[in-house]
N, C-alpha and C. Protein backbone atom coordinates (compact mmCIF):
# COMPACT_ATOMS: atom_id res chain seq x y z
N MET A 1 83.90 173.12 -143.67
CA MET A 1 83.24 172.74 -142.28
C MET A 1 81.95 172.33 -142.49
N ILE A 2 81.78 171.22 -141.87
CA ILE A 2 80.55 170.27 -141.99
C ILE A 2 79.28 171.24 -141.41
N PHE A 3 79.47 171.95 -140.44
CA PHE A 3 78.47 172.85 -139.80
C PHE A 3 78.09 174.20 -140.56
N ALA A 4 78.84 174.56 -141.53
CA ALA A 4 78.64 175.81 -142.10
C ALA A 4 77.31 175.91 -142.86
N PRO A 5 76.94 174.89 -143.59
CA PRO A 5 75.39 175.18 -144.13
C PRO A 5 74.39 175.44 -143.26
N ALA A 6 74.51 174.77 -142.11
CA ALA A 6 73.55 175.12 -140.99
C ALA A 6 73.47 176.52 -140.40
N LEU A 7 74.68 177.21 -140.19
CA LEU A 7 74.73 178.44 -139.90
C LEU A 7 73.62 179.38 -140.54
N ALA A 8 73.54 179.31 -141.96
CA ALA A 8 72.71 179.97 -142.54
C ALA A 8 71.35 179.88 -142.07
N TYR A 9 70.86 178.69 -141.80
CA TYR A 9 69.56 178.29 -141.27
C TYR A 9 69.38 179.11 -139.87
N LEU A 10 70.44 178.94 -139.00
CA LEU A 10 70.21 179.40 -137.62
C LEU A 10 70.14 180.86 -137.49
N THR A 11 70.76 181.58 -138.67
CA THR A 11 70.70 183.01 -138.46
C THR A 11 69.28 183.42 -139.13
N GLY A 12 68.64 182.46 -139.73
CA GLY A 12 67.34 182.91 -140.19
C GLY A 12 67.47 183.48 -141.60
N GLU A 13 68.60 183.52 -142.13
CA GLU A 13 68.84 184.08 -143.52
C GLU A 13 67.98 183.29 -144.56
N HIS A 14 67.48 182.14 -144.44
CA HIS A 14 66.72 181.46 -145.33
C HIS A 14 65.40 181.09 -144.74
N SER A 15 64.95 181.80 -143.67
CA SER A 15 63.80 181.39 -143.08
C SER A 15 62.88 182.84 -143.02
N GLN A 16 62.94 183.72 -143.73
CA GLN A 16 62.24 184.90 -143.43
C GLN A 16 60.90 185.12 -143.96
N THR A 17 60.26 183.94 -144.08
CA THR A 17 58.94 183.90 -144.60
C THR A 17 57.73 184.61 -143.56
N PRO A 18 56.85 185.48 -144.11
CA PRO A 18 55.99 186.09 -143.20
C PRO A 18 55.15 185.33 -142.25
N ILE A 19 54.86 184.28 -142.65
CA ILE A 19 53.98 183.38 -141.90
C ILE A 19 54.82 182.72 -140.67
N VAL A 20 56.14 182.44 -140.93
CA VAL A 20 56.89 181.97 -139.90
C VAL A 20 57.21 183.09 -138.96
N GLN A 21 57.37 184.26 -139.47
CA GLN A 21 57.62 185.35 -138.38
C GLN A 21 56.41 185.78 -137.65
N ARG A 22 55.18 185.59 -138.09
CA ARG A 22 53.90 185.60 -137.42
C ARG A 22 53.83 184.63 -136.40
N ILE A 23 53.99 183.23 -136.80
CA ILE A 23 54.02 182.27 -135.93
C ILE A 23 54.90 182.31 -134.68
N LEU A 24 55.93 182.67 -134.93
CA LEU A 24 57.04 182.70 -133.77
C LEU A 24 57.17 184.21 -133.10
N GLY A 25 56.67 185.11 -133.86
CA GLY A 25 56.60 186.48 -133.26
C GLY A 25 58.03 186.88 -133.26
N MET A 26 58.82 186.61 -134.20
CA MET A 26 60.33 187.03 -134.09
C MET A 26 60.62 187.21 -135.47
N LYS A 27 62.03 187.98 -135.70
CA LYS A 27 62.36 188.44 -136.98
C LYS A 27 63.21 187.13 -137.66
N THR A 28 63.72 186.28 -137.03
CA THR A 28 64.41 185.15 -137.50
C THR A 28 63.76 183.80 -136.92
N LEU A 29 64.13 182.70 -137.48
CA LEU A 29 63.50 181.36 -137.14
C LEU A 29 64.67 180.71 -136.25
N PRO A 30 64.34 180.68 -134.97
CA PRO A 30 65.46 180.20 -133.99
C PRO A 30 65.18 178.53 -133.74
N ILE A 31 64.74 178.00 -134.78
CA ILE A 31 64.51 176.48 -134.66
C ILE A 31 65.65 175.81 -134.87
N ILE A 32 66.74 175.80 -133.96
CA ILE A 32 68.03 175.24 -134.38
C ILE A 32 68.02 173.75 -134.61
N VAL A 33 67.38 173.04 -134.02
CA VAL A 33 67.33 171.56 -134.39
C VAL A 33 66.52 171.09 -135.49
N LEU A 34 65.70 172.09 -136.00
CA LEU A 34 64.85 171.88 -137.18
C LEU A 34 65.67 171.50 -138.24
N THR A 35 67.03 172.12 -138.27
CA THR A 35 67.83 171.87 -139.49
C THR A 35 69.19 171.18 -138.86
N LEU A 36 69.08 170.47 -137.81
CA LEU A 36 70.26 169.86 -137.31
C LEU A 36 70.82 168.74 -138.06
N ALA A 37 69.78 168.29 -139.10
CA ALA A 37 70.22 167.38 -140.11
C ALA A 37 71.50 167.90 -141.10
N ILE A 38 71.29 169.21 -141.19
CA ILE A 38 72.43 169.99 -142.05
C ILE A 38 73.50 169.83 -141.50
N PHE A 39 73.68 169.70 -140.13
CA PHE A 39 74.99 169.81 -139.32
C PHE A 39 75.84 168.48 -139.78
N LEU A 40 75.01 167.53 -140.13
CA LEU A 40 75.58 166.18 -140.53
C LEU A 40 76.10 166.26 -141.94
N SER A 41 75.45 167.09 -142.77
CA SER A 41 75.76 167.04 -144.16
C SER A 41 77.22 167.45 -144.47
N ALA A 42 77.88 166.62 -145.15
CA ALA A 42 79.11 166.96 -145.65
C ALA A 42 79.22 167.95 -146.76
N SER A 43 78.30 167.62 -147.75
CA SER A 43 78.01 168.42 -148.85
C SER A 43 76.67 167.99 -149.66
N ALA A 44 76.18 168.84 -150.40
CA ALA A 44 74.99 168.32 -151.37
C ALA A 44 75.60 167.75 -152.55
N ILE A 45 74.85 166.79 -153.13
CA ILE A 45 75.43 166.14 -154.33
C ILE A 45 74.96 167.14 -155.55
N ALA A 46 76.17 167.67 -156.25
CA ALA A 46 75.85 168.40 -157.31
C ALA A 46 75.24 167.83 -158.56
N GLY A 47 74.64 168.37 -159.44
CA GLY A 47 74.02 168.02 -160.49
C GLY A 47 72.54 167.30 -160.36
N THR A 48 72.31 166.36 -161.35
CA THR A 48 70.96 165.78 -161.30
C THR A 48 70.83 165.05 -160.03
N PRO A 49 69.67 164.92 -159.31
CA PRO A 49 69.66 164.17 -158.15
C PRO A 49 69.30 162.76 -158.56
N ASP A 50 69.79 161.79 -157.66
CA ASP A 50 69.59 160.20 -158.09
C ASP A 50 68.35 159.83 -157.27
N TYR A 51 67.33 160.89 -156.96
CA TYR A 51 66.33 160.28 -156.09
C TYR A 51 65.17 161.19 -156.62
N ILE A 52 63.94 160.84 -156.18
CA ILE A 52 62.72 161.43 -156.32
C ILE A 52 62.18 161.60 -155.02
N CYS A 53 61.63 162.91 -154.57
CA CYS A 53 61.04 163.11 -153.34
C CYS A 53 60.20 164.26 -153.52
N LYS A 54 58.88 164.13 -153.25
CA LYS A 54 57.84 165.20 -153.68
C LYS A 54 57.17 165.75 -152.31
N ALA A 55 57.18 166.99 -152.14
CA ALA A 55 56.43 167.66 -151.13
C ALA A 55 54.89 167.60 -151.44
N PRO A 56 54.07 167.60 -150.54
CA PRO A 56 52.67 167.59 -150.75
C PRO A 56 52.21 168.93 -150.99
N ALA A 57 50.99 169.05 -151.57
CA ALA A 57 50.59 170.35 -152.03
C ALA A 57 50.38 171.27 -150.83
N GLY A 58 50.76 172.52 -151.24
CA GLY A 58 50.51 173.62 -149.98
C GLY A 58 51.87 173.85 -149.24
N TRP A 59 52.82 173.21 -149.57
CA TRP A 59 54.24 173.40 -148.94
C TRP A 59 54.97 174.33 -149.71
N GLU A 60 55.55 175.54 -149.06
CA GLU A 60 56.31 176.42 -149.73
C GLU A 60 57.90 175.94 -149.85
N LYS A 61 58.41 175.91 -151.11
CA LYS A 61 59.78 175.57 -151.20
C LYS A 61 60.79 176.74 -150.68
N ASN A 62 61.50 176.34 -149.84
CA ASN A 62 62.47 177.45 -149.32
C ASN A 62 63.73 177.32 -150.38
N ALA A 63 63.66 178.13 -151.37
CA ALA A 63 64.56 178.36 -152.48
C ALA A 63 66.03 178.73 -152.10
N GLY A 64 66.13 179.48 -151.02
CA GLY A 64 67.41 179.75 -150.39
C GLY A 64 68.19 178.73 -149.72
N SER A 65 67.58 177.55 -149.35
CA SER A 65 68.00 176.62 -148.55
C SER A 65 69.34 175.92 -149.36
N SER A 66 70.34 175.55 -148.59
CA SER A 66 71.47 174.89 -149.07
C SER A 66 71.04 173.21 -149.17
N ALA A 67 69.95 172.88 -148.65
CA ALA A 67 69.58 171.39 -148.46
C ALA A 67 69.07 171.02 -149.78
N PRO A 68 69.15 169.82 -150.50
CA PRO A 68 68.77 169.48 -151.67
C PRO A 68 67.09 169.67 -151.77
N GLU A 69 66.38 169.43 -150.74
CA GLU A 69 65.01 169.77 -150.65
C GLU A 69 64.73 170.20 -149.42
N HIS A 70 63.95 171.42 -149.28
CA HIS A 70 63.36 172.17 -148.22
C HIS A 70 62.06 172.69 -148.29
N TYR A 71 61.02 172.32 -147.64
CA TYR A 71 59.68 173.03 -147.80
C TYR A 71 59.36 173.33 -146.33
N MET A 72 58.33 174.31 -146.27
CA MET A 72 57.87 174.82 -145.00
C MET A 72 56.54 175.12 -145.00
N LYS A 73 55.72 174.91 -143.85
CA LYS A 73 54.41 175.18 -143.76
C LYS A 73 53.98 175.06 -142.27
N ASN A 74 53.40 176.10 -141.82
CA ASN A 74 52.73 176.42 -140.39
C ASN A 74 53.89 176.03 -139.33
N GLY A 75 54.93 176.52 -139.66
CA GLY A 75 55.85 176.27 -138.50
C GLY A 75 56.54 174.91 -138.51
N VAL A 76 56.34 174.23 -139.58
CA VAL A 76 57.04 172.82 -139.65
C VAL A 76 57.76 172.89 -141.02
N SER A 77 58.94 172.25 -140.95
CA SER A 77 59.84 172.03 -142.20
C SER A 77 59.86 170.47 -142.67
N LEU A 78 60.01 170.40 -143.81
CA LEU A 78 60.53 169.11 -144.42
C LEU A 78 61.82 169.26 -145.15
N ILE A 79 62.77 168.48 -144.73
CA ILE A 79 64.14 168.74 -145.24
C ILE A 79 64.80 167.37 -145.60
N LEU A 80 65.31 167.30 -146.75
CA LEU A 80 66.09 166.14 -147.23
C LEU A 80 67.57 166.64 -147.28
N THR A 81 68.47 165.83 -146.75
CA THR A 81 69.75 166.13 -146.70
C THR A 81 70.54 164.86 -147.29
N ILE A 82 71.82 164.92 -147.67
CA ILE A 82 72.57 163.78 -148.10
C ILE A 82 73.84 163.71 -147.32
N ASP A 83 73.88 162.95 -146.21
CA ASP A 83 74.93 162.83 -145.37
C ASP A 83 76.01 161.59 -145.67
N SER A 84 77.38 162.04 -145.55
CA SER A 84 78.40 161.07 -145.67
C SER A 84 78.36 160.14 -144.36
N ALA A 85 78.62 158.89 -144.50
CA ALA A 85 78.68 158.03 -143.24
C ALA A 85 79.98 158.36 -142.49
N PRO A 86 79.97 158.77 -141.35
CA PRO A 86 81.26 158.90 -140.58
C PRO A 86 81.93 157.53 -140.33
N ALA A 87 83.13 157.66 -140.16
CA ALA A 87 83.99 156.41 -139.78
C ALA A 87 83.26 155.40 -138.63
N GLU A 88 82.78 156.10 -137.54
CA GLU A 88 82.26 155.25 -136.57
C GLU A 88 80.81 154.70 -136.69
N ALA A 89 80.27 155.02 -137.87
CA ALA A 89 78.86 154.61 -138.10
C ALA A 89 78.79 153.86 -139.55
N LYS A 90 79.26 152.66 -139.61
CA LYS A 90 79.33 151.87 -140.89
C LYS A 90 78.02 151.23 -141.22
N THR A 91 77.20 151.09 -140.18
CA THR A 91 75.92 150.40 -140.53
C THR A 91 74.73 151.39 -140.28
N LEU A 92 73.44 151.21 -140.89
CA LEU A 92 72.48 151.95 -140.61
C LEU A 92 71.98 152.27 -139.33
N ASP A 93 72.04 151.05 -138.46
CA ASP A 93 71.64 151.32 -136.96
C ASP A 93 72.80 152.03 -136.20
N ALA A 94 74.07 151.81 -136.67
CA ALA A 94 75.09 152.63 -135.88
C ALA A 94 75.02 154.13 -136.27
N TYR A 95 74.47 154.57 -137.56
CA TYR A 95 74.36 155.78 -137.99
C TYR A 95 73.29 156.52 -137.23
N VAL A 96 72.07 155.87 -137.04
CA VAL A 96 70.99 156.41 -136.30
C VAL A 96 71.58 156.65 -134.96
N GLU A 97 72.25 155.81 -134.21
CA GLU A 97 72.72 156.01 -132.85
C GLU A 97 73.76 157.16 -132.63
N PHE A 98 74.56 157.25 -133.85
CA PHE A 98 75.57 158.40 -134.03
C PHE A 98 74.78 159.76 -134.05
N VAL A 99 73.63 159.82 -134.83
CA VAL A 99 72.94 161.06 -134.99
C VAL A 99 72.07 161.32 -133.80
N LYS A 100 71.48 160.25 -133.15
CA LYS A 100 70.76 160.49 -131.74
C LYS A 100 71.70 161.24 -130.61
N LYS A 101 73.07 161.03 -130.77
CA LYS A 101 73.85 161.61 -129.83
C LYS A 101 73.99 163.16 -130.10
N LYS A 102 74.10 163.49 -131.32
CA LYS A 102 74.11 164.77 -131.91
C LYS A 102 72.75 165.61 -131.41
N TYR A 103 71.65 164.80 -131.73
CA TYR A 103 70.42 165.45 -131.35
C TYR A 103 70.31 165.84 -129.91
N ALA A 104 70.63 164.98 -129.05
CA ALA A 104 70.59 165.09 -127.53
C ALA A 104 71.33 166.35 -127.05
N LYS A 105 72.39 166.53 -127.70
CA LYS A 105 73.28 167.68 -127.41
C LYS A 105 72.68 168.97 -127.78
N ALA A 106 71.84 168.98 -128.80
CA ALA A 106 71.19 170.29 -129.32
C ALA A 106 69.92 170.75 -128.78
N LEU A 107 69.19 169.74 -128.06
CA LEU A 107 68.03 170.10 -127.46
C LEU A 107 67.90 169.96 -126.09
N LYS A 108 67.22 170.51 -125.16
CA LYS A 108 66.86 170.34 -123.84
C LYS A 108 65.66 169.44 -123.72
N ASN A 109 65.67 168.61 -122.56
CA ASN A 109 64.63 167.75 -122.38
C ASN A 109 64.22 166.63 -123.44
N VAL A 110 65.30 166.28 -124.27
CA VAL A 110 65.14 165.22 -125.25
C VAL A 110 64.56 164.03 -124.84
N LYS A 111 63.45 163.61 -125.66
CA LYS A 111 62.73 162.31 -125.43
C LYS A 111 62.73 161.64 -126.80
N PHE A 112 63.48 160.44 -126.91
CA PHE A 112 63.43 159.69 -128.01
C PHE A 112 62.52 158.54 -127.93
N GLU A 113 61.71 158.33 -129.06
CA GLU A 113 60.97 157.10 -129.12
C GLU A 113 61.74 155.98 -129.68
N PRO A 114 61.47 154.59 -129.41
CA PRO A 114 62.13 153.66 -129.92
C PRO A 114 62.35 153.81 -131.49
N VAL A 115 63.54 153.51 -131.90
CA VAL A 115 63.74 153.56 -133.50
C VAL A 115 63.07 152.25 -134.17
N LYS A 116 62.30 152.73 -135.22
CA LYS A 116 61.48 151.73 -136.06
C LYS A 116 62.28 151.32 -137.23
N LYS A 117 62.12 150.06 -137.60
CA LYS A 117 62.69 149.58 -138.88
C LYS A 117 61.43 149.68 -139.87
N LEU A 118 61.66 150.18 -140.99
CA LEU A 118 60.66 150.32 -142.06
C LEU A 118 61.38 150.01 -143.38
N THR A 119 60.45 150.11 -144.39
CA THR A 119 60.93 150.25 -145.77
C THR A 119 60.01 151.30 -146.52
N ILE A 120 60.93 151.85 -147.27
CA ILE A 120 60.44 152.98 -148.08
C ILE A 120 60.80 152.77 -149.44
N ASN A 121 59.65 152.40 -150.28
CA ASN A 121 59.66 151.98 -151.73
C ASN A 121 60.80 150.90 -151.93
N GLY A 122 60.68 149.81 -151.07
CA GLY A 122 61.43 148.75 -151.12
C GLY A 122 62.98 148.91 -150.73
N ILE A 123 63.27 150.12 -149.98
CA ILE A 123 64.46 150.27 -149.29
C ILE A 123 64.38 150.05 -147.73
N ASP A 124 65.52 149.49 -147.28
CA ASP A 124 65.46 149.27 -145.87
C ASP A 124 65.87 150.72 -145.21
N ALA A 125 65.07 151.10 -144.24
CA ALA A 125 65.29 152.44 -143.64
C ALA A 125 64.97 152.28 -142.07
N ARG A 126 65.17 153.46 -141.53
CA ARG A 126 64.91 153.63 -139.91
C ARG A 126 64.29 154.86 -139.81
N GLU A 127 63.34 155.00 -138.88
CA GLU A 127 62.53 156.09 -138.58
C GLU A 127 62.73 156.44 -137.07
N LEU A 128 63.08 157.64 -136.59
CA LEU A 128 63.43 158.06 -135.31
C LEU A 128 62.40 159.32 -134.99
N ARG A 129 61.72 159.33 -133.99
CA ARG A 129 60.79 160.10 -133.56
C ARG A 129 61.28 160.72 -132.10
N TYR A 130 61.36 162.20 -132.22
CA TYR A 130 61.79 162.62 -130.84
C TYR A 130 61.25 163.97 -130.57
N SER A 131 61.35 164.42 -129.19
CA SER A 131 60.82 165.87 -129.09
C SER A 131 61.97 166.40 -128.18
N GLY A 132 61.79 167.74 -128.03
CA GLY A 132 62.78 168.42 -127.02
C GLY A 132 62.32 169.87 -127.05
N GLU A 133 63.03 170.65 -126.33
CA GLU A 133 62.88 172.15 -126.29
C GLU A 133 64.08 172.94 -126.74
N THR A 134 63.88 174.11 -127.30
CA THR A 134 64.97 174.92 -127.80
C THR A 134 64.24 176.40 -127.54
N TYR A 135 65.03 177.34 -127.00
CA TYR A 135 64.61 178.82 -126.92
C TYR A 135 63.28 178.75 -126.11
N GLY A 136 62.97 177.85 -125.24
CA GLY A 136 61.53 177.77 -124.67
C GLY A 136 60.47 177.34 -125.25
N MET A 137 60.78 176.72 -126.73
CA MET A 137 59.70 176.26 -127.54
C MET A 137 59.77 174.73 -127.53
N LYS A 138 58.43 174.00 -127.65
CA LYS A 138 58.63 172.80 -127.72
C LYS A 138 58.59 172.20 -129.03
N MET A 139 59.36 171.45 -129.48
CA MET A 139 59.52 170.87 -130.80
C MET A 139 59.47 169.45 -130.87
N LYS A 140 59.00 169.01 -132.19
CA LYS A 140 58.75 167.58 -132.63
C LYS A 140 59.41 167.27 -133.72
N TYR A 141 59.94 166.06 -133.97
CA TYR A 141 60.66 165.69 -135.12
C TYR A 141 60.42 164.31 -135.44
N ASP A 142 60.40 164.03 -136.77
CA ASP A 142 60.28 162.65 -137.33
C ASP A 142 61.30 162.49 -138.35
N VAL A 143 62.40 161.59 -138.32
CA VAL A 143 63.47 161.62 -139.09
C VAL A 143 63.42 160.07 -139.85
N VAL A 144 63.66 160.11 -140.95
CA VAL A 144 63.94 158.80 -141.76
C VAL A 144 65.22 158.83 -142.39
N PHE A 145 65.81 157.65 -142.15
CA PHE A 145 67.38 157.42 -142.67
C PHE A 145 67.22 156.48 -143.69
N ILE A 146 67.81 156.71 -144.82
CA ILE A 146 67.89 155.84 -145.92
C ILE A 146 69.23 155.66 -146.35
N PRO A 147 69.92 154.43 -146.40
CA PRO A 147 71.28 154.15 -146.78
C PRO A 147 71.20 154.00 -148.37
N LYS A 148 72.50 154.53 -148.98
CA LYS A 148 72.80 154.19 -150.15
C LYS A 148 74.45 154.12 -150.36
N GLN A 149 74.95 153.10 -150.56
CA GLN A 149 76.49 153.09 -150.58
C GLN A 149 77.10 153.72 -149.41
N SER A 150 77.86 154.72 -149.56
CA SER A 150 78.49 155.39 -148.20
C SER A 150 77.68 156.45 -147.71
N LYS A 151 76.68 156.87 -148.24
CA LYS A 151 75.91 158.06 -147.82
C LYS A 151 74.67 157.61 -147.40
N TYR A 152 73.95 158.50 -146.46
CA TYR A 152 72.65 158.45 -145.87
C TYR A 152 71.69 159.67 -146.31
N TYR A 153 70.67 159.28 -146.86
CA TYR A 153 69.71 160.09 -147.15
C TYR A 153 68.76 160.47 -145.99
N THR A 154 68.73 161.55 -145.52
CA THR A 154 68.24 161.77 -144.13
C THR A 154 66.92 162.79 -144.39
N ILE A 155 65.69 162.32 -144.16
CA ILE A 155 64.49 163.14 -144.42
C ILE A 155 63.97 163.45 -143.06
N THR A 156 63.96 164.75 -142.92
CA THR A 156 63.43 165.38 -141.62
C THR A 156 62.28 166.10 -141.67
N ALA A 157 61.40 165.68 -140.85
CA ALA A 157 60.15 166.50 -140.65
C ALA A 157 60.25 167.20 -139.18
N GLY A 158 60.19 168.44 -139.08
CA GLY A 158 60.40 168.92 -137.71
C GLY A 158 59.71 170.37 -137.48
N GLY A 159 59.34 170.71 -136.23
CA GLY A 159 59.00 172.04 -136.04
C GLY A 159 58.18 172.11 -134.86
N LEU A 160 57.42 173.30 -134.65
CA LEU A 160 56.67 173.49 -133.47
C LEU A 160 55.90 172.33 -133.04
N GLY A 161 55.79 172.01 -131.93
CA GLY A 161 55.11 171.00 -131.40
C GLY A 161 53.60 171.15 -131.33
N SER A 162 53.18 172.48 -131.36
CA SER A 162 51.77 172.85 -131.37
C SER A 162 51.07 172.62 -132.74
N THR A 163 52.07 172.61 -133.98
CA THR A 163 51.47 172.26 -135.33
C THR A 163 51.84 171.01 -135.92
N PHE A 164 52.82 170.60 -135.19
CA PHE A 164 53.53 169.24 -135.89
C PHE A 164 52.59 168.10 -136.18
N ASP A 165 51.82 167.63 -135.13
CA ASP A 165 51.10 166.48 -135.32
C ASP A 165 49.88 166.58 -136.31
N ALA A 166 49.29 167.92 -136.50
CA ALA A 166 48.32 168.25 -137.66
C ALA A 166 48.78 167.95 -138.97
N LEU A 167 50.12 167.89 -139.05
CA LEU A 167 50.77 167.62 -140.57
C LEU A 167 51.23 166.28 -140.62
N LYS A 168 50.91 165.59 -139.90
CA LYS A 168 51.46 164.27 -140.00
C LYS A 168 51.36 163.37 -141.29
N ALA A 169 50.11 163.56 -141.76
CA ALA A 169 49.78 162.95 -143.10
C ALA A 169 50.55 163.34 -144.09
N ASP A 170 50.89 164.75 -144.21
CA ASP A 170 51.82 165.53 -145.04
C ASP A 170 53.11 164.91 -145.02
N TYR A 171 53.85 165.03 -143.77
CA TYR A 171 55.12 164.51 -143.82
C TYR A 171 55.40 162.97 -144.03
N GLN A 172 54.34 162.27 -143.63
CA GLN A 172 54.43 160.78 -144.01
C GLN A 172 54.32 160.70 -145.48
N ALA A 173 53.67 161.51 -146.22
CA ALA A 173 53.52 161.47 -147.75
C ALA A 173 54.84 161.82 -148.29
N PHE A 174 55.33 162.69 -147.77
CA PHE A 174 56.78 163.09 -148.22
C PHE A 174 57.83 162.01 -147.93
N PHE A 175 57.84 161.29 -146.88
CA PHE A 175 58.67 160.20 -146.70
C PHE A 175 58.39 159.27 -147.63
N ASN A 176 57.28 158.83 -147.85
CA ASN A 176 56.88 157.72 -148.75
C ASN A 176 57.05 158.12 -150.10
N SER A 177 57.12 159.34 -150.52
CA SER A 177 57.35 159.67 -152.02
C SER A 177 58.71 159.46 -152.26
N PHE A 178 59.88 159.28 -151.49
CA PHE A 178 61.22 158.94 -151.68
C PHE A 178 61.47 157.82 -152.33
N LYS A 179 62.21 157.91 -153.47
CA LYS A 179 62.63 156.63 -154.21
C LYS A 179 63.85 157.11 -155.11
N PHE A 180 64.65 156.07 -155.15
CA PHE A 180 65.97 156.22 -156.09
C PHE A 180 65.56 155.94 -157.46
N LYS A 181 66.23 156.73 -158.38
CA LYS A 181 65.86 156.73 -159.96
C LYS A 181 66.26 155.50 -160.39
């Protein structure tokens, strides 16, 4: 089932770091949309990755995550997933619109910024910024979609609205470090 990997995140099984517990004042990390990109993952690619993506200094790797890359710092996560293109989303722009519909259903008061066209290390990509609420918490997200053949490499920065903007330089560096081998 496509949604199975995300359930581990939602239950907090992979998010039990003391700093996250202190920030949220809860035992588990109820940031559902933070890992919504996992909902779209059909499976992680096994073996040697065909990409390079480096987290900035000071980010803690979430070793228990099923995402190929997952780092955390101050209530914000950096996540890379590799998603299969659904039949109804054959182009990069169609894929972004497909994903926006999923995100809109997962959050309350969702506000999308206009999608930006950009290039990451010579690769045509799209960037989607949005915000919303879950469990009474204000959340912010910045997501970059990079196509390769019939897959989309989705790089998500997301977390608590109160700490998200302060880490912009870090998550932008994470986005810009991405390249195919």
